């Protein structure tokens, strides 16, 4: 993934096509080979029934995955991915969000790890935040209306794949 080309990630809200806004989200969306994309889509589709059952929702498709690289200083502010009723965009149909971690998070800088860049969840019903530790190969799924963020990366590069079930 480190050799793959990328472009600035976009945010959605006022336009269906998305816009680059580096005060909200700063990361690169990578373009891996088609075989890699197809393999990930196949894996996500294989999980779809189990995820739907776990969350008690009906889903029929999975959005194309986004392969992301966060470098030092990159982040994504607290946000929801959809299912909030606030927007009239295609992204609003998202019911379950997924993140696949590809790199390891660490509290101390070292070769092959990143620091900062934590996936953090905020529960508005109970005070406090929950940090999800990143281990390569881990897939996590959560309701798309759950508030979450990626804190600024302070060392190394954070790689992940995100997608959404609708």
N, C-alpha and C. Protein backbone atom coordinates (compact mmCIF):
# COMPACT_ATOMS: atom_id res chain seq x y z
N UNK A 1 0.81 -1.19 0.00
CA UNK A 1 0.00 0.00 0.00
C UNK A 1 0.86 1.27 0.00
N UNK A 2 2.07 1.19 0.54
CA UNK A 2 2.90 2.39 0.61
C UNK A 2 3.36 2.85 -0.76
N UNK A 3 3.36 1.97 -1.77
CA UNK A 3 3.80 2.35 -3.11
C UNK A 3 2.65 2.80 -4.01
N UNK A 4 1.41 2.69 -3.53
CA UNK A 4 0.24 3.01 -4.34
C UNK A 4 0.00 4.51 -4.38
N UNK A 5 -0.38 5.02 -5.53
CA UNK A 5 -0.69 6.44 -5.69
C UNK A 5 -2.01 6.78 -5.00
N UNK A 6 -2.16 8.04 -4.62
CA UNK A 6 -3.38 8.47 -3.96
C UNK A 6 -3.73 9.90 -4.28
N UNK A 7 -4.91 10.29 -3.85
CA UNK A 7 -5.38 11.67 -4.00
C UNK A 7 -6.04 12.06 -2.68
N UNK A 8 -6.24 13.33 -2.48
CA UNK A 8 -6.84 13.81 -1.23
C UNK A 8 -8.23 13.20 -1.04
N UNK A 9 -8.52 12.78 0.18
CA UNK A 9 -9.83 12.25 0.52
C UNK A 9 -10.85 13.37 0.54
N UNK A 10 -12.10 13.03 0.24
CA UNK A 10 -13.16 14.04 0.23
C UNK A 10 -14.08 13.85 1.43
N UNK A 11 -14.90 14.86 1.68
CA UNK A 11 -15.95 14.80 2.68
C UNK A 11 -17.27 15.08 1.98
N UNK A 12 -18.34 14.55 2.56
CA UNK A 12 -19.67 14.74 1.99
C UNK A 12 -20.50 15.59 2.93
N UNK A 13 -21.48 16.24 2.40
CA UNK A 13 -22.38 17.06 3.21
C UNK A 13 -23.19 17.96 2.33
N UNK A 14 -22.52 18.85 1.63
CA UNK A 14 -23.24 19.79 0.79
C UNK A 14 -23.31 19.33 -0.66
N UNK A 15 -22.49 18.35 -1.02
CA UNK A 15 -22.54 17.87 -2.40
C UNK A 15 -22.38 16.36 -2.42
N UNK A 16 -23.10 15.72 -3.32
CA UNK A 16 -23.07 14.26 -3.41
C UNK A 16 -21.73 13.73 -3.90
N UNK A 17 -21.00 14.56 -4.65
CA UNK A 17 -19.72 14.10 -5.18
C UNK A 17 -18.59 14.28 -4.17
N UNK A 18 -18.82 15.04 -3.12
CA UNK A 18 -17.81 15.26 -2.10
C UNK A 18 -16.83 16.35 -2.50
N UNK A 19 -16.21 16.95 -1.51
CA UNK A 19 -15.23 18.01 -1.72
C UNK A 19 -14.03 17.77 -0.81
N UNK A 20 -12.88 18.26 -1.23
CA UNK A 20 -11.69 18.21 -0.38
C UNK A 20 -11.80 19.37 0.60
N UNK A 21 -11.71 19.05 1.89
CA UNK A 21 -11.74 20.06 2.94
C UNK A 21 -10.77 19.61 4.02
N UNK A 22 -9.54 20.09 3.93
CA UNK A 22 -8.49 19.61 4.83
C UNK A 22 -8.57 20.18 6.24
N UNK A 23 -9.61 20.97 6.54
CA UNK A 23 -9.85 21.36 7.92
C UNK A 23 -10.77 20.34 8.60
N UNK A 24 -11.40 19.48 7.78
CA UNK A 24 -12.28 18.44 8.30
C UNK A 24 -11.63 17.06 8.21
N UNK A 25 -11.00 16.79 7.07
CA UNK A 25 -10.41 15.48 6.81
C UNK A 25 -9.15 15.66 5.99
N UNK A 26 -8.06 15.11 6.50
CA UNK A 26 -6.80 15.15 5.77
C UNK A 26 -6.24 13.74 5.73
N UNK A 27 -6.29 13.14 4.55
CA UNK A 27 -5.74 11.81 4.32
C UNK A 27 -5.68 11.60 2.83
N UNK A 28 -5.05 10.52 2.41
CA UNK A 28 -5.00 10.17 1.00
C UNK A 28 -5.85 8.94 0.74
N UNK A 29 -6.65 9.00 -0.31
CA UNK A 29 -7.40 7.83 -0.77
C UNK A 29 -6.56 7.17 -1.85
N UNK A 30 -6.17 5.94 -1.60
CA UNK A 30 -5.25 5.22 -2.48
C UNK A 30 -6.01 4.46 -3.56
N UNK A 31 -5.32 4.16 -4.64
CA UNK A 31 -5.90 3.41 -5.74
C UNK A 31 -5.10 2.12 -5.95
N UNK A 32 -5.48 1.06 -5.23
CA UNK A 32 -4.75 -0.20 -5.37
C UNK A 32 -5.17 -0.93 -6.65
N UNK A 33 -4.46 -2.00 -7.02
CA UNK A 33 -4.85 -2.79 -8.19
C UNK A 33 -6.27 -3.35 -8.05
N UNK A 34 -6.95 -3.52 -9.17
CA UNK A 34 -8.33 -4.04 -9.18
C UNK A 34 -8.45 -5.36 -8.44
N UNK A 35 -7.44 -6.23 -8.55
CA UNK A 35 -7.49 -7.53 -7.86
C UNK A 35 -7.60 -7.34 -6.35
N UNK A 36 -6.91 -6.35 -5.84
CA UNK A 36 -6.96 -6.07 -4.40
C UNK A 36 -8.35 -5.60 -4.00
N UNK A 37 -8.90 -4.67 -4.78
CA UNK A 37 -10.24 -4.16 -4.49
C UNK A 37 -11.25 -5.31 -4.53
N UNK A 38 -11.19 -6.13 -5.56
CA UNK A 38 -12.14 -7.25 -5.70
C UNK A 38 -12.02 -8.23 -4.54
N UNK A 39 -10.81 -8.47 -4.09
CA UNK A 39 -10.61 -9.38 -2.95
C UNK A 39 -11.27 -8.84 -1.69
N UNK A 40 -11.09 -7.54 -1.43
CA UNK A 40 -11.68 -6.93 -0.24
C UNK A 40 -13.21 -6.90 -0.35
N UNK A 41 -13.73 -6.54 -1.52
CA UNK A 41 -15.19 -6.54 -1.71
C UNK A 41 -15.74 -7.94 -1.47
N UNK A 42 -15.07 -8.97 -1.97
CA UNK A 42 -15.51 -10.35 -1.73
C UNK A 42 -15.55 -10.69 -0.26
N UNK A 43 -14.53 -10.27 0.47
CA UNK A 43 -14.50 -10.54 1.92
C UNK A 43 -15.61 -9.80 2.65
N UNK A 44 -15.84 -8.54 2.26
CA UNK A 44 -16.91 -7.77 2.90
C UNK A 44 -18.28 -8.37 2.58
N UNK A 45 -18.48 -8.81 1.35
CA UNK A 45 -19.76 -9.43 0.98
C UNK A 45 -19.97 -10.73 1.76
N UNK A 46 -18.90 -11.45 2.01
CA UNK A 46 -19.00 -12.70 2.78
C UNK A 46 -19.43 -12.44 4.22
N UNK A 47 -19.15 -11.26 4.75
CA UNK A 47 -19.51 -10.89 6.12
C UNK A 47 -20.89 -10.24 6.21
N UNK A 48 -21.49 -9.89 5.07
CA UNK A 48 -22.69 -9.06 5.07
C UNK A 48 -23.85 -9.65 5.87
N UNK A 49 -24.13 -10.92 5.69
CA UNK A 49 -25.25 -11.54 6.39
C UNK A 49 -25.03 -11.53 7.90
N UNK A 50 -23.83 -11.87 8.32
CA UNK A 50 -23.53 -11.89 9.75
C UNK A 50 -23.61 -10.48 10.35
N UNK A 51 -23.12 -9.48 9.64
CA UNK A 51 -23.18 -8.11 10.13
C UNK A 51 -24.63 -7.64 10.22
N UNK A 52 -25.43 -7.93 9.20
CA UNK A 52 -26.85 -7.54 9.22
C UNK A 52 -27.56 -8.17 10.41
N UNK A 53 -27.28 -9.44 10.65
CA UNK A 53 -27.91 -10.13 11.78
C UNK A 53 -27.46 -9.52 13.11
N UNK A 54 -26.17 -9.25 13.23
CA UNK A 54 -25.65 -8.68 14.47
C UNK A 54 -26.29 -7.33 14.80
N UNK A 55 -26.45 -6.47 13.78
CA UNK A 55 -26.99 -5.13 14.01
C UNK A 55 -28.50 -5.07 13.85
N UNK A 56 -29.13 -6.17 13.45
CA UNK A 56 -30.57 -6.19 13.30
C UNK A 56 -31.08 -5.27 12.20
N UNK A 57 -30.34 -5.21 11.10
CA UNK A 57 -30.72 -4.37 9.97
C UNK A 57 -30.75 -5.21 8.71
N UNK A 58 -31.45 -4.70 7.70
CA UNK A 58 -31.44 -5.32 6.39
C UNK A 58 -30.50 -4.54 5.50
N UNK A 59 -29.49 -5.21 4.98
CA UNK A 59 -28.56 -4.58 4.05
C UNK A 59 -28.51 -5.41 2.78
N UNK A 60 -28.27 -4.76 1.66
CA UNK A 60 -28.26 -5.48 0.39
C UNK A 60 -27.01 -5.23 -0.43
N UNK A 61 -26.19 -4.28 0.03
CA UNK A 61 -24.98 -3.99 -0.74
C UNK A 61 -23.91 -3.40 0.16
N UNK A 62 -22.73 -3.37 -0.41
CA UNK A 62 -21.57 -2.82 0.27
C UNK A 62 -20.95 -1.78 -0.66
N UNK A 63 -20.68 -0.60 -0.16
CA UNK A 63 -20.05 0.42 -0.99
C UNK A 63 -18.62 0.01 -1.33
N UNK A 64 -18.13 0.52 -2.45
CA UNK A 64 -16.74 0.26 -2.80
C UNK A 64 -15.84 0.71 -1.66
N UNK A 65 -14.89 -0.11 -1.29
CA UNK A 65 -14.03 0.26 -0.16
C UNK A 65 -13.10 1.42 -0.52
N UNK A 66 -12.77 2.19 0.50
CA UNK A 66 -11.77 3.24 0.37
C UNK A 66 -10.50 2.77 1.07
N UNK A 67 -9.40 2.81 0.37
CA UNK A 67 -8.10 2.44 0.90
C UNK A 67 -7.42 3.76 1.29
N UNK A 68 -7.08 3.91 2.57
CA UNK A 68 -6.65 5.21 3.08
C UNK A 68 -5.25 5.17 3.69
N UNK A 69 -4.53 6.26 3.48
CA UNK A 69 -3.23 6.47 4.12
C UNK A 69 -3.29 7.79 4.88
N UNK A 70 -3.04 7.71 6.18
CA UNK A 70 -2.92 8.91 7.02
C UNK A 70 -1.44 9.07 7.34
N UNK A 71 -0.88 10.22 6.99
CA UNK A 71 0.51 10.50 7.29
C UNK A 71 0.58 11.46 8.48
N UNK A 72 1.78 11.78 8.92
CA UNK A 72 1.95 12.67 10.07
C UNK A 72 1.13 13.94 9.86
N UNK A 73 0.28 14.27 10.85
CA UNK A 73 -0.56 15.46 10.79
C UNK A 73 -1.94 15.20 10.21
N UNK A 74 -2.16 14.05 9.57
CA UNK A 74 -3.47 13.75 8.98
C UNK A 74 -4.47 13.32 10.05
N UNK A 75 -5.78 13.54 9.78
CA UNK A 75 -6.83 13.31 10.77
C UNK A 75 -8.18 13.30 10.07
N UNK A 76 -9.24 13.00 10.83
CA UNK A 76 -10.63 13.16 10.37
C UNK A 76 -11.42 13.55 11.61
N UNK A 77 -12.03 14.75 11.59
CA UNK A 77 -12.76 15.25 12.76
C UNK A 77 -13.95 14.35 13.10
N UNK A 78 -14.49 14.53 14.29
CA UNK A 78 -15.65 13.74 14.73
C UNK A 78 -16.79 13.92 13.74
N UNK A 79 -17.40 12.79 13.36
CA UNK A 79 -18.45 12.81 12.34
C UNK A 79 -19.27 11.52 12.43
N UNK A 80 -20.34 11.48 11.66
CA UNK A 80 -21.12 10.26 11.47
C UNK A 80 -21.07 9.95 9.98
N UNK A 81 -21.24 8.68 9.64
CA UNK A 81 -21.16 8.26 8.23
C UNK A 81 -22.51 8.26 7.52
N UNK A 82 -23.59 8.31 8.25
CA UNK A 82 -24.90 8.29 7.62
C UNK A 82 -25.96 7.81 8.58
N UNK A 83 -27.17 7.59 8.04
CA UNK A 83 -28.31 7.09 8.81
C UNK A 83 -28.70 8.03 9.94
N UNK A 84 -28.50 9.34 9.72
CA UNK A 84 -28.85 10.32 10.75
C UNK A 84 -30.09 11.12 10.40
N UNK A 85 -30.52 11.06 9.14
CA UNK A 85 -31.68 11.83 8.72
C UNK A 85 -31.39 13.29 8.46
N UNK A 86 -30.11 13.67 8.51
CA UNK A 86 -29.75 15.07 8.33
C UNK A 86 -29.46 15.45 6.89
N UNK A 87 -29.11 14.48 6.06
CA UNK A 87 -28.73 14.76 4.68
C UNK A 87 -29.65 14.06 3.71
N UNK A 88 -29.65 14.50 2.49
CA UNK A 88 -30.42 13.84 1.43
C UNK A 88 -29.47 13.31 0.36
N UNK A 89 -28.39 12.72 0.79
CA UNK A 89 -27.39 12.21 -0.13
C UNK A 89 -27.40 10.69 -0.13
N UNK A 90 -26.79 10.11 -1.13
CA UNK A 90 -26.67 8.65 -1.22
C UNK A 90 -25.97 8.09 0.02
N UNK A 91 -25.01 8.84 0.57
CA UNK A 91 -24.30 8.36 1.76
C UNK A 91 -25.22 8.22 2.97
N UNK A 92 -26.37 8.89 2.95
CA UNK A 92 -27.30 8.81 4.07
C UNK A 92 -27.87 7.40 4.22
N UNK A 93 -27.83 6.60 3.18
CA UNK A 93 -28.36 5.24 3.22
C UNK A 93 -27.44 4.28 3.98
N UNK A 94 -26.29 4.72 4.37
CA UNK A 94 -25.35 3.85 5.08
C UNK A 94 -25.93 3.44 6.43
N UNK A 95 -25.90 2.13 6.70
CA UNK A 95 -26.42 1.62 7.97
C UNK A 95 -25.31 1.14 8.90
N UNK A 96 -24.31 0.46 8.33
CA UNK A 96 -23.21 -0.08 9.12
C UNK A 96 -21.90 0.31 8.46
N UNK A 97 -21.01 0.89 9.25
CA UNK A 97 -19.68 1.28 8.78
C UNK A 97 -18.67 0.21 9.17
N UNK A 98 -17.64 0.03 8.35
CA UNK A 98 -16.58 -0.91 8.69
C UNK A 98 -15.22 -0.25 8.52
N UNK A 99 -14.29 -0.67 9.34
CA UNK A 99 -12.89 -0.25 9.24
C UNK A 99 -12.05 -1.52 9.35
N UNK A 100 -11.12 -1.67 8.42
CA UNK A 100 -10.13 -2.76 8.49
C UNK A 100 -8.78 -2.10 8.71
N UNK A 101 -8.14 -2.43 9.82
CA UNK A 101 -6.82 -1.87 10.11
C UNK A 101 -5.75 -2.65 9.35
N UNK A 102 -4.84 -1.93 8.71
CA UNK A 102 -3.75 -2.57 7.98
C UNK A 102 -2.39 -2.34 8.63
N UNK A 103 -2.32 -1.41 9.57
CA UNK A 103 -1.06 -1.12 10.24
C UNK A 103 -1.28 -1.06 11.74
N UNK A 104 -0.19 -1.14 12.49
CA UNK A 104 -0.26 -1.22 13.95
C UNK A 104 -0.06 0.15 14.58
N UNK A 105 -0.94 0.45 15.54
CA UNK A 105 -0.83 1.67 16.32
C UNK A 105 0.03 1.39 17.55
N UNK A 106 0.81 2.39 17.95
CA UNK A 106 1.67 2.24 19.12
C UNK A 106 1.66 3.54 19.92
N UNK A 107 1.94 3.42 21.21
CA UNK A 107 2.08 4.62 22.04
C UNK A 107 3.47 5.22 21.92
N UNK A 108 4.44 4.42 21.39
CA UNK A 108 5.82 4.88 21.27
C UNK A 108 6.29 4.76 19.83
N UNK A 109 6.93 5.80 19.30
CA UNK A 109 7.43 5.73 17.93
C UNK A 109 8.43 4.58 17.75
N UNK A 110 8.28 3.87 16.66
CA UNK A 110 9.19 2.79 16.30
C UNK A 110 9.02 2.50 14.82
N UNK A 111 9.91 1.72 14.28
CA UNK A 111 9.84 1.32 12.88
C UNK A 111 8.60 0.48 12.63
N UNK A 112 7.85 0.79 11.58
CA UNK A 112 6.71 -0.03 11.18
C UNK A 112 5.42 0.18 11.96
N UNK A 113 5.35 1.20 12.80
CA UNK A 113 4.13 1.49 13.54
C UNK A 113 3.79 2.97 13.35
N UNK A 114 2.59 3.33 13.75
CA UNK A 114 2.23 4.74 13.77
C UNK A 114 1.76 5.12 15.16
N UNK A 115 1.85 6.41 15.48
CA UNK A 115 1.38 6.94 16.76
C UNK A 115 0.32 7.99 16.46
N UNK A 116 -0.58 8.20 17.44
CA UNK A 116 -1.73 9.05 17.18
C UNK A 116 -2.61 8.29 16.20
N UNK A 117 -3.42 9.00 15.43
CA UNK A 117 -4.24 8.34 14.42
C UNK A 117 -5.23 7.35 14.98
N UNK A 118 -5.63 7.53 16.23
CA UNK A 118 -6.54 6.59 16.88
C UNK A 118 -7.96 6.74 16.34
N UNK A 119 -8.64 5.62 16.21
CA UNK A 119 -10.07 5.63 15.92
C UNK A 119 -10.76 5.76 17.27
N UNK A 120 -11.48 6.88 17.45
CA UNK A 120 -12.09 7.20 18.73
C UNK A 120 -13.59 7.36 18.54
N UNK A 121 -14.37 6.71 19.40
CA UNK A 121 -15.82 6.77 19.38
C UNK A 121 -16.30 7.63 20.53
N UNK A 122 -17.34 8.43 20.27
CA UNK A 122 -17.97 9.25 21.29
C UNK A 122 -19.39 8.76 21.46
N UNK A 123 -19.77 8.46 22.69
CA UNK A 123 -21.14 8.06 22.97
C UNK A 123 -21.82 9.24 23.64
N UNK A 124 -22.78 9.83 22.94
CA UNK A 124 -23.44 11.01 23.48
C UNK A 124 -24.35 10.69 24.66
N UNK A 125 -24.72 9.43 24.83
CA UNK A 125 -25.59 9.04 25.95
C UNK A 125 -24.80 8.81 27.24
N UNK A 126 -23.54 8.49 27.09
CA UNK A 126 -22.69 8.27 28.26
C UNK A 126 -21.42 9.08 28.07
N UNK A 127 -21.05 9.90 29.02
CA UNK A 127 -19.87 10.75 28.84
C UNK A 127 -18.61 9.93 28.62
N UNK A 128 -17.72 10.49 27.84
CA UNK A 128 -16.44 9.84 27.61
C UNK A 128 -16.27 9.38 26.18
N UNK A 129 -15.05 8.92 25.91
CA UNK A 129 -14.68 8.46 24.58
C UNK A 129 -14.06 7.08 24.70
N UNK A 130 -14.16 6.32 23.62
CA UNK A 130 -13.58 4.98 23.56
C UNK A 130 -12.62 4.93 22.40
N UNK A 131 -11.37 4.56 22.69
CA UNK A 131 -10.33 4.43 21.66
C UNK A 131 -10.23 2.98 21.24
N UNK A 132 -10.34 2.72 19.93
CA UNK A 132 -10.24 1.37 19.40
C UNK A 132 -8.79 1.10 19.01
N UNK A 133 -8.09 0.22 19.73
CA UNK A 133 -6.70 -0.09 19.37
C UNK A 133 -6.62 -0.74 18.00
N UNK A 134 -5.64 -0.35 17.22
CA UNK A 134 -5.49 -0.86 15.85
C UNK A 134 -4.49 -2.01 15.80
N UNK A 135 -4.97 -3.15 15.34
CA UNK A 135 -4.12 -4.31 15.08
C UNK A 135 -4.34 -4.70 13.63
N UNK A 136 -3.26 -4.91 12.87
CA UNK A 136 -3.42 -5.26 11.46
C UNK A 136 -4.34 -6.47 11.26
N UNK A 137 -5.25 -6.35 10.30
CA UNK A 137 -6.17 -7.43 9.98
C UNK A 137 -7.47 -7.40 10.74
N UNK A 138 -7.59 -6.52 11.72
CA UNK A 138 -8.81 -6.42 12.51
C UNK A 138 -9.88 -5.66 11.71
N UNK A 139 -11.07 -6.24 11.65
CA UNK A 139 -12.23 -5.56 11.06
C UNK A 139 -13.16 -5.20 12.20
N UNK A 140 -13.56 -3.94 12.25
CA UNK A 140 -14.58 -3.54 13.22
C UNK A 140 -15.77 -2.99 12.44
N UNK A 141 -16.94 -3.17 12.98
CA UNK A 141 -18.17 -2.67 12.37
C UNK A 141 -18.95 -1.93 13.44
N UNK A 142 -19.63 -0.86 13.04
CA UNK A 142 -20.43 -0.06 13.97
C UNK A 142 -21.53 0.64 13.19
N UNK A 143 -22.58 1.01 13.90
CA UNK A 143 -23.69 1.72 13.26
C UNK A 143 -23.18 3.03 12.68
N UNK A 144 -23.63 3.34 11.47
CA UNK A 144 -23.11 4.51 10.75
C UNK A 144 -23.45 5.83 11.41
N UNK A 145 -24.46 5.85 12.28
CA UNK A 145 -24.80 7.10 12.96
C UNK A 145 -23.95 7.35 14.22
N UNK A 146 -23.05 6.42 14.54
CA UNK A 146 -22.19 6.58 15.72
C UNK A 146 -21.11 7.61 15.43
N UNK A 147 -20.94 8.56 16.34
CA UNK A 147 -19.92 9.59 16.19
C UNK A 147 -18.54 8.99 16.42
N UNK A 148 -17.64 9.26 15.48
CA UNK A 148 -16.27 8.75 15.56
C UNK A 148 -15.32 9.73 14.87
N UNK A 149 -14.04 9.55 15.14
CA UNK A 149 -13.01 10.41 14.55
C UNK A 149 -11.70 9.65 14.44
N UNK A 150 -10.78 10.20 13.67
CA UNK A 150 -9.40 9.71 13.63
C UNK A 150 -8.55 10.87 14.12
N UNK A 151 -7.87 10.67 15.24
CA UNK A 151 -7.04 11.72 15.81
C UNK A 151 -5.80 11.94 14.93
N UNK A 152 -5.15 13.09 15.05
CA UNK A 152 -3.98 13.36 14.20
C UNK A 152 -2.86 12.33 14.40
N UNK A 153 -2.31 11.89 13.29
CA UNK A 153 -1.15 10.98 13.32
C UNK A 153 0.06 11.81 13.74
N UNK A 154 0.85 11.28 14.68
CA UNK A 154 2.03 11.99 15.17
C UNK A 154 3.34 11.34 14.74
N UNK A 155 3.26 10.09 14.25
CA UNK A 155 4.45 9.37 13.80
C UNK A 155 4.03 8.26 12.84
N UNK A 156 4.78 8.08 11.79
CA UNK A 156 4.55 6.96 10.88
C UNK A 156 3.37 7.19 9.94
N UNK A 157 2.88 6.07 9.40
CA UNK A 157 1.75 6.11 8.48
C UNK A 157 0.70 5.10 8.90
N UNK A 158 -0.54 5.55 8.88
CA UNK A 158 -1.70 4.72 9.26
C UNK A 158 -2.40 4.29 7.98
N UNK A 159 -2.55 2.97 7.78
CA UNK A 159 -3.25 2.43 6.62
C UNK A 159 -4.52 1.71 7.09
N UNK A 160 -5.61 1.96 6.37
CA UNK A 160 -6.87 1.29 6.70
C UNK A 160 -7.74 1.21 5.46
N UNK A 161 -8.77 0.37 5.55
CA UNK A 161 -9.78 0.25 4.51
C UNK A 161 -11.11 0.52 5.18
N UNK A 162 -11.93 1.39 4.58
CA UNK A 162 -13.25 1.66 5.12
C UNK A 162 -14.30 1.34 4.06
N UNK A 163 -15.47 0.93 4.53
CA UNK A 163 -16.60 0.67 3.64
C UNK A 163 -17.88 0.76 4.46
N UNK A 164 -19.01 0.67 3.76
CA UNK A 164 -20.31 0.82 4.41
C UNK A 164 -21.31 -0.13 3.79
N UNK A 165 -22.13 -0.71 4.65
CA UNK A 165 -23.25 -1.55 4.20
C UNK A 165 -24.50 -0.68 4.14
N UNK A 166 -25.29 -0.90 3.05
CA UNK A 166 -26.55 -0.17 2.91
C UNK A 166 -27.65 -1.17 2.61
